[in-house]
Amino acid sequence: MRLRRFESFLHELLTKEAAPAVQSVRTFSEAGYRKRPAGIVLGFTNGGEVYLQVVRTSPSDGSDQREEEPIVTGEPPAAVPPVELSAAGAVRTADIERWLVSVLANSGHNELARVNGYSATKDLGDGQQPYGVRVSCHSEAAIYLLFLHTLRSGQSASGNDFQVLEAV
């Protein structure tokens, strides 16, 4: 799945599956955020925001060079228990990551093969990027949701790239 199509899919999915704590779901373009080409801004009922940058690696078969995107399907990811985000108080970044994994894994989308959270997968993430999501596609492309900004109410998305807060 190519980047723009995934961004649209993710926007629709998160809008449809919004948790009680999620007040808004906007693409970077809709939010007027021009620093990065693709992503989603989650707005929370407590005023906090999370900017998820969407990046993608290409499949090794060179299919990205074709004008028309080849659609590769297979068995959807295994379902996982749903995760709720409470609208009361601060929302933990680890819980946002778990919610994203559950929503994507449980989408039943047959172009997605696996969905893994950085904090729950040994070989993903590091000290600088402890949270994030990797979506492995049947096309062999990999899509990453990177926590670009985690902001408490009143904070702005300038100058704090990848400085992840424990809660927003």
Protein backbone atom coordinates (compact mmCIF):
# COMPACT_ATOMS: atom_id res chain seq x y z
CA MET A 1 0.00 0.00 0.00
CA ARG A 2 1.47 3.32 -1.02
CA LEU A 3 1.85 6.19 1.40
CA ARG A 4 -1.03 8.48 0.39
CA ARG A 5 -3.50 5.61 0.15
CA PHE A 6 -2.42 4.36 3.58
CA GLU A 7 -2.76 7.86 5.05
CA SER A 8 -6.34 8.08 3.69
CA PHE A 9 -7.14 4.57 4.97
CA LEU A 10 -5.72 5.41 8.41
CA HIS A 11 -7.63 8.70 8.58
CA GLU A 12 -10.93 6.95 7.75
CA LEU A 13 -10.23 4.06 10.12
CA LEU A 14 -9.27 6.22 13.10
CA THR A 15 -12.24 8.52 12.50
CA LYS A 16 -14.59 5.53 12.43
CA GLU A 17 -12.99 3.78 15.43
CA ALA A 18 -12.35 6.89 17.54
CA ALA A 19 -12.04 6.16 21.25
CA PRO A 20 -13.87 8.31 23.83
CA ALA A 21 -10.65 10.28 24.42
CA VAL A 22 -10.20 11.13 20.72
CA GLN A 23 -11.89 14.38 19.77
CA SER A 24 -10.46 14.81 16.25
CA VAL A 25 -8.52 13.00 13.54
CA ARG A 26 -6.90 15.16 10.83
CA THR A 27 -4.26 14.59 8.19
CA PHE A 28 -1.18 16.81 8.37
CA SER A 29 -2.56 18.64 5.34
CA GLU A 30 -5.95 19.23 7.01
CA ALA A 31 -4.18 20.47 10.15
CA GLY A 32 -2.03 22.90 8.11
CA TYR A 33 1.15 21.08 9.19
CA ARG A 34 3.65 21.31 6.32
CA LYS A 35 6.93 20.27 7.97
CA ARG A 36 6.50 16.59 7.02
CA PRO A 37 4.73 15.17 3.94
CA ALA A 38 2.32 12.65 5.48
CA GLY A 39 0.74 11.97 8.82
CA ILE A 40 -2.19 12.17 11.19
CA VAL A 41 -2.91 14.54 14.08
CA LEU A 42 -4.95 13.05 16.89
CA GLY A 43 -6.69 15.62 19.08
CA PHE A 44 -7.79 14.51 22.53
CA THR A 45 -10.66 15.72 24.68
CA ASN A 46 -8.16 17.01 27.29
CA GLY A 47 -6.61 19.37 24.69
CA GLY A 48 -3.53 17.21 24.07
CA GLU A 49 -2.40 16.25 20.57
CA VAL A 50 -0.27 13.55 18.98
CA TYR A 51 1.32 14.05 15.56
CA LEU A 52 1.95 10.69 13.90
CA GLN A 53 4.34 10.93 10.97
CA VAL A 54 3.66 8.22 8.36
CA VAL A 55 6.70 6.90 6.48
CA ARG A 56 7.06 3.90 4.22
CA THR A 57 9.72 1.60 2.82
CA SER A 58 9.32 0.26 -0.71
CA PRO A 59 8.91 -3.38 -1.66
CA SER A 60 12.05 -4.95 -3.10
CA ASP A 61 10.39 -5.90 -6.41
CA GLY A 62 10.53 -2.37 -7.85
CA SER A 63 6.75 -2.08 -8.05
CA ASP A 64 6.96 1.49 -6.72
CA GLN A 65 8.33 2.49 -10.11
CA ARG A 66 5.06 1.53 -11.79
CA GLU A 67 2.48 4.25 -12.29
CA GLU A 68 -0.39 1.99 -11.29
CA GLU A 69 -0.07 0.56 -7.81
CA PRO A 70 -0.21 -3.24 -7.71
CA ILE A 71 -2.56 -4.39 -4.94
CA VAL A 72 -1.19 -7.38 -3.03
CA THR A 73 -3.56 -9.10 -0.62
CA GLY A 74 -3.42 -11.98 1.82
CA GLU A 75 -4.55 -12.99 5.27
CA PRO A 76 -5.27 -9.91 7.44
CA PRO A 77 -3.35 -9.49 10.72
CA ALA A 78 -4.40 -11.59 13.67
CA ALA A 79 -7.03 -9.86 15.79
CA VAL A 80 -5.92 -8.47 19.14
CA PRO A 81 -7.95 -7.39 22.18
CA PRO A 82 -9.43 -3.91 21.70
CA VAL A 83 -7.88 -1.05 23.67
CA GLU A 84 -9.96 1.77 25.12
CA LEU A 85 -8.63 5.27 25.67
CA SER A 86 -10.44 6.91 28.56
CA ALA A 87 -11.56 10.52 28.17
CA ALA A 88 -10.73 11.17 31.83
CA GLY A 89 -7.41 12.93 32.47
CA ALA A 90 -4.09 12.45 30.70
CA VAL A 91 -3.75 9.79 28.01
CA ARG A 92 -0.61 7.65 28.22
CA THR A 93 1.48 7.48 25.03
CA ALA A 94 1.94 3.72 25.54
CA ASP A 95 -1.86 3.34 25.54
CA ILE A 96 -2.15 5.39 22.34
CA GLU A 97 0.36 3.06 20.69
CA ARG A 98 -1.57 -0.02 21.90
CA TRP A 99 -4.85 1.53 20.65
CA LEU A 100 -3.36 2.19 17.21
CA VAL A 101 -2.07 -1.40 17.00
CA SER A 102 -5.46 -2.79 17.99
CA VAL A 103 -7.43 -0.60 15.57
CA LEU A 104 -5.13 -1.46 12.65
CA ALA A 105 -4.85 -5.18 13.47
CA ASN A 106 -8.60 -5.49 13.95
CA SER A 107 -9.43 -3.61 10.73
CA GLY A 108 -9.47 -6.87 8.76
CA HIS A 109 -7.69 -5.11 5.87
CA ASN A 110 -6.30 -7.82 3.59
CA GLU A 111 -3.34 -5.75 2.37
CA LEU A 112 -1.93 -5.66 5.92
CA ALA A 113 0.05 -8.68 7.09
CA ARG A 114 1.23 -7.70 10.60
CA VAL A 115 0.96 -4.77 12.99
CA ASN A 116 3.51 -4.30 15.78
CA GLY A 117 3.99 -1.65 18.45
CA TYR A 118 7.54 -0.50 19.14
CA SER A 119 7.21 -0.79 22.91
CA ALA A 120 6.00 -4.40 22.67
CA THR A 121 8.42 -5.65 19.99
CA LYS A 122 12.07 -6.26 20.85
CA ASP A 123 13.63 -5.19 17.54
CA LEU A 124 11.55 -2.03 17.05
CA GLY A 125 12.06 1.34 18.66
CA ASP A 126 14.92 2.60 20.78
CA GLY A 127 15.63 5.20 23.44
CA GLN A 128 14.82 8.04 21.05
CA GLN A 129 11.73 6.33 19.56
CA PRO A 130 10.25 4.18 22.34
CA TYR A 131 6.76 4.31 20.80
CA GLY A 132 5.58 3.79 17.25
CA VAL A 133 3.82 1.30 15.03
CA ARG A 134 5.13 -0.84 12.18
CA VAL A 135 2.61 -2.09 9.62
CA SER A 136 3.95 -4.87 7.40
CA CYS A 137 2.09 -5.19 4.11
CA HIS A 138 1.68 -8.26 1.91
CA SER A 139 3.40 -6.24 -0.85
CA GLU A 140 6.56 -6.33 1.34
CA ALA A 141 6.30 -2.59 1.96
CA ALA A 142 6.56 -1.49 5.58
CA ILE A 143 4.72 1.54 6.92
CA TYR A 144 5.75 3.25 10.14
CA LEU A 145 3.74 5.52 12.41
CA LEU A 146 6.27 7.66 14.25
CA PHE A 147 5.33 9.75 17.29
CA LEU A 148 6.63 13.05 15.92
CA HIS A 149 5.00 15.35 18.51
CA THR A 150 3.24 14.51 21.77
CA LEU A 151 1.75 17.71 23.13
CA ARG A 152 -0.14 18.63 26.27
CA SER A 153 -2.93 21.16 26.04
CA GLY A 154 -1.55 24.55 25.01
CA GLN A 155 1.77 23.29 23.61
CA SER A 156 2.71 23.86 19.98
CA ALA A 157 4.34 21.53 17.45
CA SER A 158 7.51 23.52 16.93
CA GLY A 159 11.03 22.52 17.83
CA ASN A 160 10.25 19.35 19.76
CA ASP A 161 10.43 16.65 17.07
CA PHE A 162 10.50 13.12 18.51
CA GLN A 163 10.65 14.30 22.15
CA VAL A 164 7.97 11.90 23.29
CA LEU A 165 6.05 12.61 26.48
CA GLU A 166 4.82 9.73 28.64
CA ALA A 167 1.30 11.18 28.53
CA VAL A 168 -0.64 13.97 26.81
